[in-house]
C-alpha atoms as a PDB file:
ATOM      1  CA  MET A   1      69.341 105.599 132.522  1.00  0.00           C
ATOM      2  CA  GLU A   2      66.378 107.583 132.235  1.00  0.00           C
ATOM      3  CA  GLN A   3      68.240 110.244 130.121  1.00  0.00           C
ATOM      4  CA  LEU A   4      69.627 107.306 127.568  1.00  0.00           C
ATOM      5  CA  PHE A   5      66.140 105.962 127.042  1.00  0.00           C
ATOM      6  CA  SER A   6      64.883 108.973 126.486  1.00  0.00           C
ATOM      7  CA  ARG A   7      67.396 109.923 124.053  1.00  0.00           C
ATOM      8  CA  LEU A   8      67.328 106.596 122.337  1.00  0.00           C
ATOM      9  CA  ASP A   9      63.116 106.666 122.345  1.00  0.00           C
ATOM     10  CA  SER A  10      63.955 110.229 120.422  1.00  0.00           C
ATOM     11  CA  VAL A  11      66.435 108.625 118.015  1.00  0.00           C
ATOM     12  CA  LEU A  12      63.902 105.687 117.375  1.00  0.00           C
ATOM     13  CA  THR A  13      60.894 108.562 116.630  1.00  0.00           C
ATOM     14  CA  ASN A  14      63.121 110.366 114.345  1.00  0.00           C
ATOM     15  CA  SER A  15      64.805 107.682 112.485  1.00  0.00           C
ATOM     16  CA  GLU A  16      62.601 108.367 109.651  1.00  0.00           C
ATOM     17  CA  LYS A  17      63.946 111.799 109.239  1.00  0.00           C
ATOM     18  CA  TYR A  18      67.508 110.749 110.007  1.00  0.00           C
ATOM     19  CA  VAL A  19      66.911 108.637 106.975  1.00  0.00           C
ATOM     20  CA  LEU A  20      65.581 111.134 104.823  1.00  0.00           C
ATOM     21  CA  GLU A  21      68.161 113.921 105.964  1.00  0.00           C
ATOM     22  CA  LYS A  22      70.747 111.282 104.990  1.00  0.00           C
ATOM     23  CA  GLU A  23      69.420 110.417 101.335  1.00  0.00           C
ATOM     24  CA  ASP A  24      69.458 113.999 100.791  1.00  0.00           C
ATOM     25  CA  LYS A  25      72.862 114.733 101.606  1.00  0.00           C
ATOM     26  CA  ILE A  26      73.978 111.293  99.429  1.00  0.00           C
ATOM     27  CA  GLU A  27      71.884 113.136  96.819  1.00  0.00           C
ATOM     28  CA  GLU A  28      73.598 116.115  96.629  1.00  0.00           C
ATOM     29  CA  LEU A  29      77.113 114.778  96.700  1.00  0.00           C
ATOM     30  CA  ARG A  30      76.203 112.827  94.156  1.00  0.00           C
ATOM     31  CA  LYS A  31      75.344 115.195  91.712  1.00  0.00           C
ATOM     32  CA  LYS A  32      78.487 116.819  92.692  1.00  0.00           C
ATOM     33  CA  GLN A  33      79.966 113.767  90.897  1.00  0.00           C
ATOM     34  CA  SER A  34      78.642 114.586  87.320  1.00  0.00           C
ATOM     35  CA  MET A  35      80.862 118.377  87.588  1.00  0.00           C
ATOM     36  CA  PRO A  36      83.995 118.012  85.966  1.00  0.00           C
ATOM     37  CA  LEU A  37      86.467 117.153  89.045  1.00  0.00           C
ATOM     38  CA  LYS A  38      90.137 117.075  89.179  1.00  0.00           C
ATOM     39  CA  PRO A  39      91.198 113.452  90.733  1.00  0.00           C
ATOM     40  CA  GLU A  40      92.450 114.637  94.039  1.00  0.00           C
ATOM     41  CA  GLU A  41      88.355 116.191  94.363  1.00  0.00           C
ATOM     42  CA  LYS A  42      87.322 113.205  93.547  1.00  0.00           C
ATOM     43  CA  LEU A  43      88.895 111.734  96.484  1.00  0.00           C
ATOM     44  CA  TRP A  44      87.435 114.217  98.442  1.00  0.00           C
ATOM     45  CA  LEU A  45      83.848 113.857  97.072  1.00  0.00           C
ATOM     46  CA  ASN A  46      84.539 109.839  97.085  1.00  0.00           C
ATOM     47  CA  LYS A  47      85.741 110.081 101.074  1.00  0.00           C
ATOM     48  CA  MET A  48      82.200 112.335 101.734  1.00  0.00           C
ATOM     49  CA  LEU A  49      80.051 109.563 100.152  1.00  0.00           C
ATOM     50  CA  TYR A  50      82.010 106.899 101.698  1.00  0.00           C
ATOM     51  CA  ASP A  51      81.706 108.606 105.140  1.00  0.00           C
ATOM     52  CA  GLU A  52      77.742 108.859 104.196  1.00  0.00           C
ATOM     53  CA  TYR A  53      77.440 105.165 103.265  1.00  0.00           C
ATOM     54  CA  PHE A  54      79.614 103.554 105.800  1.00  0.00           C
ATOM     55  CA  VAL A  55      77.115 102.649 108.239  1.00  0.00           C
ATOM     56  CA  TYR A  56      74.354 103.068 106.164  1.00  0.00           C
ATOM     57  CA  ASN A  57      75.057 100.689 103.083  1.00  0.00           C
ATOM     58  CA  ALA A  58      78.161  98.932 102.957  1.00  0.00           C
ATOM     59  CA  ASP A  59      78.292  97.711  99.435  1.00  0.00           C
ATOM     60  CA  SER A  60      77.818 101.428  98.279  1.00  0.00           C
ATOM     61  CA  ALA A  61      80.735 102.652 100.709  1.00  0.00           C
ATOM     62  CA  MET A  62      82.767  99.837  99.138  1.00  0.00           C
ATOM     63  CA  VAL A  63      81.989 101.732  95.581  1.00  0.00           C
ATOM     64  CA  TYR A  64      83.859 104.705  96.847  1.00  0.00           C
ATOM     65  CA  VAL A  65      86.903 102.623  98.508  1.00  0.00           C
ATOM     66  CA  ASN A  66      87.497 100.690  95.399  1.00  0.00           C
ATOM     67  CA  ASN A  67      87.247 104.131  93.101  1.00  0.00           C
ATOM     68  CA  ASN A  68      89.568 105.887  95.827  1.00  0.00           C
ATOM     69  CA  ILE A  69      91.974 102.723  95.634  1.00  0.00           C
ATOM     70  CA  GLU A  70      91.886 103.304  91.392  1.00  0.00           C
ATOM     71  CA  ILE A  71      92.303 106.609  91.404  1.00  0.00           C
ATOM     72  CA  ALA A  72      95.288 107.124  94.037  1.00  0.00           C
ATOM     73  CA  ASN A  73      96.952 104.129  92.367  1.00  0.00           C
ATOM     74  CA  ALA A  74      96.351 106.662  88.966  1.00  0.00           C
ATOM     75  CA  LEU A  75      97.923 109.371  90.463  1.00  0.00           C
ATOM     76  CA  GLY A  76     101.092 107.905  91.819  1.00  0.00           C
ATOM     77  CA  ARG A  77      99.735 108.410  95.610  1.00  0.00           C
ATOM     78  CA  LYS A  78     100.848 105.197  97.295  1.00  0.00           C
ATOM     79  CA  ASP A  79     100.148 106.513 100.898  1.00  0.00           C
ATOM     80  CA  LYS A  80      96.614 107.015  99.776  1.00  0.00           C
ATOM     81  CA  GLU A  81      96.079 104.315  98.130  1.00  0.00           C
ATOM     82  CA  GLN A  82      97.632 102.436 101.172  1.00  0.00           C
ATOM     83  CA  GLU A  83      95.041 104.309 103.400  1.00  0.00           C
ATOM     84  CA  TRP A  84      92.029 103.267 101.398  1.00  0.00           C
ATOM     85  CA  ILE A  85      93.301  99.357 101.191  1.00  0.00           C
ATOM     86  CA  LEU A  86      92.693 100.342 105.430  1.00  0.00           C
ATOM     87  CA  HIS A  87      89.321 101.676 104.814  1.00  0.00           C
ATOM     88  CA  LYS A  88      88.932  98.267 102.520  1.00  0.00           C
ATOM     89  CA  VAL A  89      89.805  96.008 104.938  1.00  0.00           C
ATOM     90  CA  PHE A  90      88.020  97.779 108.135  1.00  0.00           C
ATOM     91  CA  LEU A  91      84.664  97.460 105.816  1.00  0.00           C
ATOM     92  CA  LEU A  92      85.377  93.838 105.073  1.00  0.00           C
ATOM     93  CA  ALA A  93      85.566  93.122 108.767  1.00  0.00           C
ATOM     94  CA  ALA A  94      82.699  95.240 109.551  1.00  0.00           C
ATOM     95  CA  GLN A  95      80.592  93.019 106.853  1.00  0.00           C
ATOM     96  CA  GLY A  96      81.643  89.728 108.258  1.00  0.00           C
ATOM     97  CA  LEU A  97      84.067  89.133 105.782  1.00  0.00           C
ATOM     98  CA  LEU A  98      87.228  88.031 107.309  1.00  0.00           C
ATOM     99  CA  ASN A  99      89.166  85.996 104.687  1.00  0.00           C
ATOM    100  CA  GLU A 100      88.596  88.597 102.186  1.00  0.00           C
ATOM    101  CA  ALA A 101      89.528  91.106 105.102  1.00  0.00           C
ATOM    102  CA  GLU A 102      92.806  88.994 106.230  1.00  0.00           C
ATOM    103  CA  LYS A 103      93.774  88.596 102.754  1.00  0.00           C
ATOM    104  CA  GLU A 104      93.506  92.307 101.635  1.00  0.00           C
ATOM    105  CA  LEU A 105      95.661  93.589 104.801  1.00  0.00           C
ATOM    106  CA  LEU A 106      98.279  91.555 102.652  1.00  0.00           C
ATOM    107  CA  ASN A 107      98.579  94.528 100.087  1.00  0.00           C
ATOM    108  CA  VAL A 108      99.042  96.933 102.695  1.00  0.00           C
ATOM    109  CA  ASP A 109     102.763  98.386 102.574  1.00  0.00           C
ATOM    110  CA  ILE A 110     103.778  99.615 106.106  1.00  0.00           C
ATOM    111  CA  THR A 111     106.284 101.428 104.666  1.00  0.00           C
ATOM    112  CA  SER A 112     104.558 103.867 102.860  1.00  0.00           C
ATOM    113  CA  LEU A 113     102.079 104.858 105.628  1.00  0.00           C
ATOM    114  CA  SER A 114     101.993 108.166 107.538  1.00  0.00           C
ATOM    115  CA  LYS A 115     102.181 108.064 111.348  1.00  0.00           C
ATOM    116  CA  GLU A 116      98.466 108.459 111.479  1.00  0.00           C
ATOM    117  CA  ASN A 117      98.018 105.835 108.867  1.00  0.00           C
ATOM    118  CA  MET A 118     100.306 103.587 111.018  1.00  0.00           C
ATOM    119  CA  TYR A 119      97.761 103.927 113.804  1.00  0.00           C
ATOM    120  CA  GLN A 120      94.802 102.993 111.655  1.00  0.00           C
ATOM    121  CA  TYR A 121      96.964  99.955 109.944  1.00  0.00           C
ATOM    122  CA  TYR A 122      96.998  98.441 113.748  1.00  0.00           C
ATOM    123  CA  ASP A 123      93.812  99.774 115.026  1.00  0.00           C
ATOM    124  CA  THR A 124      92.221  97.705 111.974  1.00  0.00           C
ATOM    125  CA  LYS A 125      94.361  94.759 112.716  1.00  0.00           C
ATOM    126  CA  ILE A 126      92.788  94.666 116.056  1.00  0.00           C
ATOM    127  CA  TYR A 127      89.304  95.333 114.980  1.00  0.00           C
ATOM    128  CA  LEU A 128      89.990  92.342 112.472  1.00  0.00           C
ATOM    129  CA  TYR A 129      91.486  89.802 115.074  1.00  0.00           C
ATOM    130  CA  SER A 130      88.871  90.785 117.433  1.00  0.00           C
ATOM    131  CA  HIS A 131      85.860  89.789 115.095  1.00  0.00           C
ATOM    132  CA  LEU A 132      88.135  86.441 113.920  1.00  0.00           C
ATOM    133  CA  VAL A 133      87.993  85.336 117.433  1.00  0.00           C
ATOM    134  CA  GLN A 134      84.593  85.685 117.793  1.00  0.00           C
ATOM    135  CA  PHE A 135      83.915  83.004 114.931  1.00  0.00           C
ATOM    136  CA  ILE A 136      86.492  80.289 116.088  1.00  0.00           C
ATOM    137  CA  GLY A 137      84.471  78.922 118.948  1.00  0.00           C
ATOM    138  CA  ASN A 138      86.135  76.932 121.590  1.00  0.00           C
ATOM    139  CA  ARG A 139      89.560  76.395 120.419  1.00  0.00           C
ATOM    140  CA  LEU A 140      91.067  77.917 123.452  1.00  0.00           C
ATOM    141  CA  GLU A 141      94.659  77.674 122.142  1.00  0.00           C
ATOM    142  CA  LEU A 142      93.785  79.574 118.883  1.00  0.00           C
ATOM    143  CA  THR A 143      91.607  81.936 121.014  1.00  0.00           C
ATOM    144  CA  ASN A 144      94.678  82.569 123.423  1.00  0.00           C
ATOM    145  CA  SER A 145      96.785  83.113 119.939  1.00  0.00           C
ATOM    146  CA  TYR A 146      93.963  85.941 118.364  1.00  0.00           C
ATOM    147  CA  TYR A 147      94.346  87.726 122.030  1.00  0.00           C
ATOM    148  CA  ASN A 148      97.941  87.859 121.929  1.00  0.00           C
ATOM    149  CA  LEU A 149      97.809  89.406 118.215  1.00  0.00           C
ATOM    150  CA  GLU A 150      95.601  91.643 119.726  1.00  0.00           C
ATOM    151  CA  LYS A 151      97.338  92.787 122.510  1.00  0.00           C
ATOM    152  CA  GLU A 152     100.846  92.631 120.150  1.00  0.00           C
ATOM    153  CA  PHE A 153      98.694  95.288 117.821  1.00  0.00           C
ATOM    154  CA  LYS A 154      97.385  97.347 120.694  1.00  0.00           C
ATOM    155  CA  HIS A 155     101.166  97.792 121.572  1.00  0.00           C
ATOM    156  CA  GLU A 156     102.252  98.898 118.090  1.00  0.00           C
ATOM    157  CA  ALA A 157      99.352 101.491 118.150  1.00  0.00           C
ATOM    158  CA  LYS A 158      99.702 103.074 121.360  1.00  0.00           C
ATOM    159  CA  LYS A 159     103.463 104.386 119.604  1.00  0.00           C
ATOM    160  CA  TYR A 160     101.327 106.125 116.692  1.00  0.00           C
ATOM    161  CA  ILE A 161      98.014 107.398 118.312  1.00  0.00           C
ATOM    162  CA  THR A 162      97.909 111.060 119.846  1.00  0.00           C
ATOM    163  CA  PRO A 163      95.912 113.032 122.548  1.00  0.00           C
ATOM    164  CA  ASP A 164      94.494 115.150 119.585  1.00  0.00           C
ATOM    165  CA  HIS A 165      92.947 111.592 117.751  1.00  0.00           C
ATOM    166  CA  PRO A 166      89.270 111.060 118.162  1.00  0.00           C
ATOM    167  CA  SER A 167      89.991 107.656 119.017  1.00  0.00           C
ATOM    168  CA  TYR A 168      92.370 108.490 121.691  1.00  0.00           C
ATOM    169  CA  TYR A 169      90.616 108.296 124.894  1.00  0.00           C
ATOM    170  CA  SER A 170      89.006 104.702 123.741  1.00  0.00           C
ATOM    171  CA  PHE A 171      91.861 103.651 122.610  1.00  0.00           C
ATOM    172  CA  CYS A 172      93.327 103.944 125.775  1.00  0.00           C
ATOM    173  CA  ALA A 173      90.430 102.537 127.740  1.00  0.00           C
ATOM    174  CA  SER A 174      90.781  99.577 125.486  1.00  0.00           C
ATOM    175  CA  LEU A 175      94.435  98.668 126.956  1.00  0.00           C
ATOM    176  CA  HIS A 176      92.619  98.097 130.051  1.00  0.00           C
ATOM    177  CA  ARG A 177      90.610  95.538 128.588  1.00  0.00           C
ATOM    178  CA  GLU A 178      90.129  92.090 130.226  1.00  0.00           C
ATOM    179  CA  TYR A 179      90.049  89.269 128.689  1.00  0.00           C
ATOM    180  CA  PRO A 180      87.523  86.415 128.944  1.00  0.00           C
ATOM    181  CA  ARG A 181      88.126  83.249 130.976  1.00  0.00           C
ATOM    182  CA  SER A 182      88.552  79.442 129.414  1.00  0.00           C
ATOM    183  CA  ALA A 183      85.834  77.244 130.260  1.00  0.00           C
ATOM    184  CA  GLU A 184      87.575  75.610 132.974  1.00  0.00           C
ATOM    185  CA  GLY A 185      87.373  79.200 134.586  1.00  0.00           C
ATOM    186  CA  ASP A 186      91.155  79.948 134.046  1.00  0.00           C
ATOM    187  CA  SER A 187      92.238  82.918 133.201  1.00  0.00           C
ATOM    188  CA  ILE A 188      93.631  83.204 129.860  1.00  0.00           C
ATOM    189  CA  LYS A 189      97.259  83.857 130.066  1.00  0.00           C
ATOM    190  CA  LEU A 190      98.332  86.700 127.467  1.00  0.00           C
ATOM    191  CA  LYS A 191     102.148  86.663 126.658  1.00  0.00           C
END
């Protein structure tokens, strides 16, 4: 614990430095936007900007998500378009825009997803429904329904994740998640 507190203190002490480094990297990437780029290069540049903005400024990250959806559509790259729609759903859910995220998820055509994007699809659904369950209050029947959906999505996601995926071990650990108990103290039964 002492090491963790020490690391946290270091991060807090250097937070201003980290912000400046992030802003410098973003500025460097934004300068590249003014260069003549092929659409595929714009996709990659937008991805790098999205990655930088994702935890820093969600509104800016959304600009690059929408831009990549448009570029992928113009290129006829259905696979890339679907991948970026999934990023959009995730970003909307992270911002608490759960209804918008759920509606956007309906635009995903799973028949055009790669194996890796199939994992992302189910992982995004897990993320969305785990957030939805937090906002429904004490309605046990609906809570159970969302937990059952989350469990089904994990079962499906397991088919597509491989040990070389960066989230493999955390995903496997989540498979053993214990679900909360009802107000009466009974275990919530999952189908």
